[in-house]
Amino acid sequence: GGTSALQDAVIITGAPFAFVCFLAMLSLIRDFG
């Protein structure tokens, strides 16, 4: 359970960055346009 638990923790911290990456894409689209 040790490594699997920390891998789960990585998923928990990684999921919010889906929205950060999405906002980064929108930032580029906005500025390029």
PDB file of all heavy atoms in Angstrom:
ATOM      1  N   GLY A   1       0.785  -1.226   0.000  1.00  0.00           N
ATOM      2  CA  GLY A   1       0.000   0.000   0.000  1.00  0.00           C
ATOM      3  C   GLY A   1       0.813   1.270   0.000  1.00  0.00           C
ATOM      4  O   GLY A   1       0.280   2.333  -0.263  1.00  0.00           O
ATOM      5  N   GLY A   2       2.114   1.205   0.295  1.00  0.00           N
ATOM      6  CA  GLY A   2       2.901   2.422   0.406  1.00  0.00           C
ATOM      7  C   GLY A   2       3.059   3.138  -0.909  1.00  0.00           C
ATOM      8  O   GLY A   2       2.632   4.283  -1.078  1.00  0.00           O
ATOM      9  N   THR A   3       3.661   2.450  -1.896  1.00  0.00           N
ATOM     10  CA  THR A   3       3.896   3.082  -3.180  1.00  0.00           C
ATOM     11  C   THR A   3       2.593   3.382  -3.892  1.00  0.00           C
ATOM     12  O   THR A   3       2.428   4.454  -4.482  1.00  0.00           O
ATOM     13  CB  THR A   3       4.784   2.173  -4.053  1.00  0.00           C
ATOM     14  OG1 THR A   3       6.024   1.970  -3.381  1.00  0.00           O
ATOM     15  CG2 THR A   3       5.045   2.801  -5.399  1.00  0.00           C
ATOM     16  N   SER A   4       1.630   2.449  -3.833  1.00  0.00           N
ATOM     17  CA  SER A   4       0.362   2.695  -4.510  1.00  0.00           C
ATOM     18  C   SER A   4      -0.344   3.905  -3.920  1.00  0.00           C
ATOM     19  O   SER A   4      -0.983   4.675  -4.638  1.00  0.00           O
ATOM     20  CB  SER A   4      -0.541   1.464  -4.419  1.00  0.00           C
ATOM     21  OG  SER A   4      -0.847   1.160  -3.075  1.00  0.00           O
ATOM     22  N   ALA A   5      -0.222   4.092  -2.604  1.00  0.00           N
ATOM     23  CA  ALA A   5      -0.860   5.247  -1.978  1.00  0.00           C
ATOM     24  C   ALA A   5      -0.234   6.544  -2.459  1.00  0.00           C
ATOM     25  O   ALA A   5      -0.948   7.518  -2.737  1.00  0.00           O
ATOM     26  CB  ALA A   5      -0.747   5.140  -0.461  1.00  0.00           C
ATOM     27  N   LEU A   6       1.096   6.563  -2.588  1.00  0.00           N
ATOM     28  CA  LEU A   6       1.731   7.796  -3.060  1.00  0.00           C
ATOM     29  C   LEU A   6       1.473   8.018  -4.544  1.00  0.00           C
ATOM     30  O   LEU A   6       1.397   9.154  -4.995  1.00  0.00           O
ATOM     31  CB  LEU A   6       3.235   7.761  -2.762  1.00  0.00           C
ATOM     32  CG  LEU A   6       3.617   8.222  -1.349  1.00  0.00           C
ATOM     33  CD1 LEU A   6       5.124   8.320  -1.209  1.00  0.00           C
ATOM     34  CD2 LEU A   6       2.986   9.561  -1.006  1.00  0.00           C
ATOM     35  N   GLN A   7       1.325   6.940  -5.305  1.00  0.00           N
ATOM     36  CA  GLN A   7       0.938   7.100  -6.710  1.00  0.00           C
ATOM     37  C   GLN A   7      -0.461   7.707  -6.795  1.00  0.00           C
ATOM     38  O   GLN A   7      -0.728   8.558  -7.651  1.00  0.00           O
ATOM     39  CB  GLN A   7       0.987   5.751  -7.418  1.00  0.00           C
ATOM     40  CG  GLN A   7       2.398   5.241  -7.654  1.00  0.00           C
ATOM     41  CD  GLN A   7       2.406   3.846  -8.249  1.00  0.00           C
ATOM     42  OE1 GLN A   7       1.357   3.325  -8.622  1.00  0.00           O
ATOM     43  NE2 GLN A   7       3.558   3.239  -8.329  1.00  0.00           N
ATOM     44  N   ASP A   8      -1.336   7.263  -5.911  1.00  0.00           N
ATOM     45  CA  ASP A   8      -2.659   7.885  -5.858  1.00  0.00           C
ATOM     46  C   ASP A   8      -2.541   9.359  -5.501  1.00  0.00           C
ATOM     47  O   ASP A   8      -3.261  10.204  -6.047  1.00  0.00           O
ATOM     48  CB  ASP A   8      -3.531   7.174  -4.815  1.00  0.00           C
ATOM     49  CG  ASP A   8      -3.907   5.757  -5.237  1.00  0.00           C
ATOM     50  OD1 ASP A   8      -3.636   5.404  -6.408  1.00  0.00           O
ATOM     51  OD2 ASP A   8      -4.440   5.013  -4.401  1.00  0.00           O
ATOM     52  N   ALA A   9      -1.634   9.675  -4.569  1.00  0.00           N
ATOM     53  CA  ALA A   9      -1.433  11.075  -4.189  1.00  0.00           C
ATOM     54  C   ALA A   9      -0.929  11.886  -5.368  1.00  0.00           C
ATOM     55  O   ALA A   9      -1.316  13.050  -5.559  1.00  0.00           O
ATOM     56  CB  ALA A   9      -0.444  11.169  -3.022  1.00  0.00           C
ATOM     57  N   VAL A  10      -0.074  11.265  -6.190  1.00  0.00           N
ATOM     58  CA  VAL A  10       0.423  11.940  -7.388  1.00  0.00           C
ATOM     59  C   VAL A  10      -0.726  12.252  -8.342  1.00  0.00           C
ATOM     60  O   VAL A  10      -0.788  13.324  -8.945  1.00  0.00           O
ATOM     61  CB  VAL A  10       1.493  11.067  -8.082  1.00  0.00           C
ATOM     62  CG1 VAL A  10       1.796  11.582  -9.474  1.00  0.00           C
ATOM     63  CG2 VAL A  10       2.762  11.037  -7.249  1.00  0.00           C
ATOM     64  N   ILE A  11      -1.666  11.302  -8.463  1.00  0.00           N
ATOM     65  CA  ILE A  11      -2.833  11.534  -9.318  1.00  0.00           C
ATOM     66  C   ILE A  11      -3.669  12.688  -8.765  1.00  0.00           C
ATOM     67  O   ILE A  11      -4.161  13.531  -9.514  1.00  0.00           O
ATOM     68  CB  ILE A  11      -3.676  10.254  -9.428  1.00  0.00           C
ATOM     69  CG1 ILE A  11      -2.904   9.198 -10.218  1.00  0.00           C
ATOM     70  CG2 ILE A  11      -5.019  10.535 -10.080  1.00  0.00           C
ATOM     71  CD1 ILE A  11      -3.609   7.887 -10.347  1.00  0.00           C
ATOM     72  N   ILE A  12      -3.795  12.738  -7.444  1.00  0.00           N
ATOM     73  CA  ILE A  12      -4.577  13.815  -6.828  1.00  0.00           C
ATOM     74  C   ILE A  12      -3.931  15.173  -7.097  1.00  0.00           C
ATOM     75  O   ILE A  12      -4.614  16.155  -7.399  1.00  0.00           O
ATOM     76  CB  ILE A  12      -4.703  13.570  -5.311  1.00  0.00           C
ATOM     77  CG1 ILE A  12      -5.549  12.314  -5.056  1.00  0.00           C
ATOM     78  CG2 ILE A  12      -5.335  14.773  -4.615  1.00  0.00           C
ATOM     79  CD1 ILE A  12      -5.498  11.835  -3.621  1.00  0.00           C
ATOM     80  N   THR A  13      -2.604  15.243  -7.001  1.00  0.00           N
ATOM     81  CA  THR A  13      -1.923  16.521  -7.272  1.00  0.00           C
ATOM     82  C   THR A  13      -1.824  16.794  -8.762  1.00  0.00           C
ATOM     83  O   THR A  13      -1.753  17.951  -9.175  1.00  0.00           O
ATOM     84  CB  THR A  13      -0.515  16.536  -6.653  1.00  0.00           C
ATOM     85  OG1 THR A  13       0.248  15.426  -7.184  1.00  0.00           O
ATOM     86  CG2 THR A  13      -0.575  16.426  -5.145  1.00  0.00           C
ATOM     87  N   GLY A  14      -1.825  15.720  -9.576  1.00  0.00           N
ATOM     88  CA  GLY A  14      -1.719  15.931 -11.009  1.00  0.00           C
ATOM     89  C   GLY A  14      -3.009  16.374 -11.652  1.00  0.00           C
ATOM     90  O   GLY A  14      -2.997  17.161 -12.604  1.00  0.00           O
ATOM     91  N   ALA A  15      -4.146  15.894 -11.143  1.00  0.00           N
ATOM     92  CA  ALA A  15      -5.435  16.223 -11.751  1.00  0.00           C
ATOM     93  C   ALA A  15      -5.697  17.732 -11.850  1.00  0.00           C
ATOM     94  O   ALA A  15      -6.165  18.197 -12.900  1.00  0.00           O
ATOM     95  CB  ALA A  15      -6.559  15.533 -10.986  1.00  0.00           C
ATOM     96  N   PRO A  16      -5.401  18.528 -10.792  1.00  0.00           N
ATOM     97  CA  PRO A  16      -5.626  19.966 -10.939  1.00  0.00           C
ATOM     98  C   PRO A  16      -4.818  20.595 -12.073  1.00  0.00           C
ATOM     99  O   PRO A  16      -5.239  21.602 -12.654  1.00  0.00           O
ATOM    100  CB  PRO A  16      -5.182  20.536  -9.582  1.00  0.00           C
ATOM    101  CG  PRO A  16      -5.335  19.403  -8.632  1.00  0.00           C
ATOM    102  CD  PRO A  16      -4.994  18.182  -9.425  1.00  0.00           C
ATOM    103  N   PHE A  17      -3.675  19.991 -12.414  1.00  0.00           N
ATOM    104  CA  PHE A  17      -2.862  20.560 -13.476  1.00  0.00           C
ATOM    105  C   PHE A  17      -3.461  20.315 -14.851  1.00  0.00           C
ATOM    106  O   PHE A  17      -3.013  20.917 -15.830  1.00  0.00           O
ATOM    107  CB  PHE A  17      -1.423  20.044 -13.385  1.00  0.00           C
ATOM    108  CG  PHE A  17      -0.576  20.888 -12.488  1.00  0.00           C
ATOM    109  CD1 PHE A  17      -0.423  20.570 -11.157  1.00  0.00           C
ATOM    110  CD2 PHE A  17       0.029  22.038 -12.965  1.00  0.00           C
ATOM    111  CE1 PHE A  17       0.324  21.369 -10.309  1.00  0.00           C
ATOM    112  CE2 PHE A  17       0.777  22.840 -12.137  1.00  0.00           C
ATOM    113  CZ  PHE A  17       0.937  22.514 -10.810  1.00  0.00           C
ATOM    114  N   ALA A  18      -4.479  19.443 -14.955  1.00  0.00           N
ATOM    115  CA  ALA A  18      -5.215  19.353 -16.209  1.00  0.00           C
ATOM    116  C   ALA A  18      -5.862  20.702 -16.508  1.00  0.00           C
ATOM    117  O   ALA A  18      -5.836  21.176 -17.655  1.00  0.00           O
ATOM    118  CB  ALA A  18      -6.278  18.256 -16.113  1.00  0.00           C
ATOM    119  N   PHE A  19      -6.396  21.323 -15.487  1.00  0.00           N
ATOM    120  CA  PHE A  19      -7.054  22.620 -15.671  1.00  0.00           C
ATOM    121  C   PHE A  19      -6.022  23.741 -15.848  1.00  0.00           C
ATOM    122  O   PHE A  19      -6.263  24.697 -16.582  1.00  0.00           O
ATOM    123  CB  PHE A  19      -7.981  22.890 -14.491  1.00  0.00           C
ATOM    124  CG  PHE A  19      -9.044  21.841 -14.321  1.00  0.00           C
ATOM    125  CD1 PHE A  19      -8.873  20.794 -13.433  1.00  0.00           C
ATOM    126  CD2 PHE A  19     -10.197  21.879 -15.094  1.00  0.00           C
ATOM    127  CE1 PHE A  19      -9.845  19.806 -13.291  1.00  0.00           C
ATOM    128  CE2 PHE A  19     -11.170  20.899 -14.969  1.00  0.00           C
ATOM    129  CZ  PHE A  19     -10.992  19.857 -14.064  1.00  0.00           C
ATOM    130  N   VAL A  20      -4.872  23.606 -15.198  1.00  0.00           N
ATOM    131  CA  VAL A  20      -3.793  24.585 -15.405  1.00  0.00           C
ATOM    132  C   VAL A  20      -3.308  24.502 -16.852  1.00  0.00           C
ATOM    133  O   VAL A  20      -3.112  25.531 -17.516  1.00  0.00           O
ATOM    134  CB  VAL A  20      -2.628  24.349 -14.421  1.00  0.00           C
ATOM    135  CG1 VAL A  20      -1.466  25.283 -14.739  1.00  0.00           C
ATOM    136  CG2 VAL A  20      -3.091  24.549 -12.985  1.00  0.00           C
ATOM    137  N   CYS A  21      -3.106  23.280 -17.359  1.00  0.00           N
ATOM    138  CA  CYS A  21      -2.674  23.109 -18.743  1.00  0.00           C
ATOM    139  C   CYS A  21      -3.728  23.631 -19.715  1.00  0.00           C
ATOM    140  O   CYS A  21      -3.407  24.250 -20.734  1.00  0.00           O
ATOM    141  CB  CYS A  21      -2.390  21.634 -19.033  1.00  0.00           C
ATOM    142  SG  CYS A  21      -0.893  20.997 -18.264  1.00  0.00           S
ATOM    143  N   PHE A  22      -5.004  23.395 -19.396  1.00  0.00           N
ATOM    144  CA  PHE A  22      -6.085  23.898 -20.250  1.00  0.00           C
ATOM    145  C   PHE A  22      -6.095  25.424 -20.269  1.00  0.00           C
ATOM    146  O   PHE A  22      -6.224  26.050 -21.333  1.00  0.00           O
ATOM    147  CB  PHE A  22      -7.419  23.354 -19.745  1.00  0.00           C
ATOM    148  CG  PHE A  22      -8.598  23.768 -20.574  1.00  0.00           C
ATOM    149  CD1 PHE A  22      -8.753  23.293 -21.873  1.00  0.00           C
ATOM    150  CD2 PHE A  22      -9.561  24.636 -20.073  1.00  0.00           C
ATOM    151  CE1 PHE A  22      -9.852  23.664 -22.650  1.00  0.00           C
ATOM    152  CE2 PHE A  22     -10.649  25.020 -20.832  1.00  0.00           C
ATOM    153  CZ  PHE A  22     -10.788  24.530 -22.128  1.00  0.00           C
ATOM    154  N   LEU A  23      -5.918  26.030 -19.102  1.00  0.00           N
ATOM    155  CA  LEU A  23      -5.864  27.493 -19.032  1.00  0.00           C
ATOM    156  C   LEU A  23      -4.626  28.039 -19.736  1.00  0.00           C
ATOM    157  O   LEU A  23      -4.670  29.123 -20.341  1.00  0.00           O
ATOM    158  CB  LEU A  23      -5.892  27.949 -17.575  1.00  0.00           C
ATOM    159  CG  LEU A  23      -7.206  27.698 -16.824  1.00  0.00           C
ATOM    160  CD1 LEU A  23      -7.059  28.078 -15.349  1.00  0.00           C
ATOM    161  CD2 LEU A  23      -8.353  28.470 -17.458  1.00  0.00           C
ATOM    162  N   ALA A  24      -3.510  27.297 -19.665  1.00  0.00           N
ATOM    163  CA  ALA A  24      -2.303  27.717 -20.384  1.00  0.00           C
ATOM    164  C   ALA A  24      -2.558  27.710 -21.887  1.00  0.00           C
ATOM    165  O   ALA A  24      -2.119  28.627 -22.608  1.00  0.00           O
ATOM    166  CB  ALA A  24      -1.142  26.778 -20.035  1.00  0.00           C
ATOM    167  N   MET A  25      -3.267  26.700 -22.372  1.00  0.00           N
ATOM    168  CA  MET A  25      -3.624  26.648 -23.791  1.00  0.00           C
ATOM    169  C   MET A  25      -4.512  27.834 -24.171  1.00  0.00           C
ATOM    170  O   MET A  25      -4.285  28.495 -25.195  1.00  0.00           O
ATOM    171  CB  MET A  25      -4.331  25.335 -24.101  1.00  0.00           C
ATOM    172  CG  MET A  25      -4.750  25.189 -25.557  1.00  0.00           C
ATOM    173  SD  MET A  25      -5.632  23.638 -25.900  1.00  0.00           S
ATOM    174  CE  MET A  25      -7.198  23.949 -25.074  1.00  0.00           C
ATOM    175  N   LEU A  26      -5.513  28.123 -23.336  1.00  0.00           N
ATOM    176  CA  LEU A  26      -6.382  29.275 -23.611  1.00  0.00           C
ATOM    177  C   LEU A  26      -5.604  30.579 -23.566  1.00  0.00           C
ATOM    178  O   LEU A  26      -5.889  31.506 -24.346  1.00  0.00           O
ATOM    179  CB  LEU A  26      -7.528  29.312 -22.600  1.00  0.00           C
ATOM    180  CG  LEU A  26      -8.539  28.160 -22.641  1.00  0.00           C
ATOM    181  CD1 LEU A  26      -9.640  28.386 -21.612  1.00  0.00           C
ATOM    182  CD2 LEU A  26      -9.135  28.017 -24.037  1.00  0.00           C
ATOM    183  N   SER A  27      -4.612  30.670 -22.677  1.00  0.00           N
ATOM    184  CA  SER A  27      -3.788  31.877 -22.601  1.00  0.00           C
ATOM    185  C   SER A  27      -3.023  32.095 -23.896  1.00  0.00           C
ATOM    186  O   SER A  27      -2.925  33.225 -24.400  1.00  0.00           O
ATOM    187  CB  SER A  27      -2.804  31.768 -21.428  1.00  0.00           C
ATOM    188  OG  SER A  27      -3.480  31.707 -20.186  1.00  0.00           O
ATOM    189  N   LEU A  28      -2.474  31.014 -24.447  1.00  0.00           N
ATOM    190  CA  LEU A  28      -1.754  31.134 -25.714  1.00  0.00           C
ATOM    191  C   LEU A  28      -2.702  31.511 -26.846  1.00  0.00           C
ATOM    192  O   LEU A  28      -2.383  32.382 -27.675  1.00  0.00           O
ATOM    193  CB  LEU A  28      -1.057  29.801 -26.042  1.00  0.00           C
ATOM    194  CG  LEU A  28       0.161  29.446 -25.186  1.00  0.00           C
ATOM    195  CD1 LEU A  28       0.634  28.035 -25.508  1.00  0.00           C
ATOM    196  CD2 LEU A  28       1.297  30.444 -25.400  1.00  0.00           C
ATOM    197  N   ILE A  29      -3.869  30.873 -26.896  1.00  0.00           N
ATOM    198  CA  ILE A  29      -4.838  31.195 -27.948  1.00  0.00           C
ATOM    199  C   ILE A  29      -5.245  32.665 -27.872  1.00  0.00           C
ATOM    200  O   ILE A  29      -5.306  33.368 -28.892  1.00  0.00           O
ATOM    201  CB  ILE A  29      -6.077  30.284 -27.834  1.00  0.00           C
ATOM    202  CG1 ILE A  29      -5.700  28.826 -28.134  1.00  0.00           C
ATOM    203  CG2 ILE A  29      -7.190  30.751 -28.771  1.00  0.00           C
ATOM    204  CD1 ILE A  29      -6.808  27.827 -27.869  1.00  0.00           C
ATOM    205  N   ARG A  30      -5.489  33.131 -26.664  1.00  0.00           N
ATOM    206  CA  ARG A  30      -5.905  34.521 -26.477  1.00  0.00           C
ATOM    207  C   ARG A  30      -4.822  35.485 -26.925  1.00  0.00           C
ATOM    208  O   ARG A  30      -5.082  36.458 -27.640  1.00  0.00           O
ATOM    209  CB  ARG A  30      -6.247  34.770 -25.014  1.00  0.00           C
ATOM    210  CG  ARG A  30      -6.716  36.185 -24.695  1.00  0.00           C
ATOM    211  CD  ARG A  30      -7.006  36.350 -23.220  1.00  0.00           C
ATOM    212  NE  ARG A  30      -7.543  37.659 -22.895  1.00  0.00           N
ATOM    213  CZ  ARG A  30      -6.797  38.737 -22.699  1.00  0.00           C
ATOM    214  NH1 ARG A  30      -5.482  38.645 -22.814  1.00  0.00           N
ATOM    215  NH2 ARG A  30      -7.343  39.900 -22.417  1.00  0.00           N
ATOM    216  N   ASP A  31      -3.574  35.200 -26.532  1.00  0.00           N
ATOM    217  CA  ASP A  31      -2.491  36.124 -26.862  1.00  0.00           C
ATOM    218  C   ASP A  31      -2.116  36.054 -28.333  1.00  0.00           C
ATOM    219  O   ASP A  31      -1.901  37.090 -28.976  1.00  0.00           O
ATOM    220  CB  ASP A  31      -1.266  35.813 -26.002  1.00  0.00           C
ATOM    221  CG  ASP A  31      -0.295  36.974 -25.971  1.00  0.00           C
ATOM    222  OD1 ASP A  31       0.591  37.053 -26.850  1.00  0.00           O
ATOM    223  OD2 ASP A  31      -0.425  37.824 -25.075  1.00  0.00           O
ATOM    224  N   PHE A  32      -2.060  34.853 -28.898  1.00  0.00           N
ATOM    225  CA  PHE A  32      -1.732  34.718 -30.317  1.00  0.00           C
ATOM    226  C   PHE A  32      -2.796  35.390 -31.173  1.00  0.00           C
ATOM    227  O   PHE A  32      -2.495  36.061 -32.158  1.00  0.00           O
ATOM    228  CB  PHE A  32      -1.621  33.238 -30.702  1.00  0.00           C
ATOM    229  CG  PHE A  32      -0.413  32.539 -30.136  1.00  0.00           C
ATOM    230  CD1 PHE A  32      -0.300  31.158 -30.242  1.00  0.00           C
ATOM    231  CD2 PHE A  32       0.603  33.237 -29.505  1.00  0.00           C
ATOM    232  CE1 PHE A  32       0.804  30.498 -29.726  1.00  0.00           C
ATOM    233  CE2 PHE A  32       1.706  32.589 -28.978  1.00  0.00           C
ATOM    234  CZ  PHE A  32       1.805  31.210 -29.087  1.00  0.00           C
ATOM    235  N   GLY A  33      -4.067  35.187 -30.807  1.00  0.00           N
ATOM    236  CA  GLY A  33      -5.133  35.793 -31.570  1.00  0.00           C
ATOM    237  C   GLY A  33      -5.157  37.314 -31.461  1.00  0.00           C
ATOM    238  O   GLY A  33      -5.559  38.002 -32.395  1.00  0.00           O
TER     239      GLY A  33
END
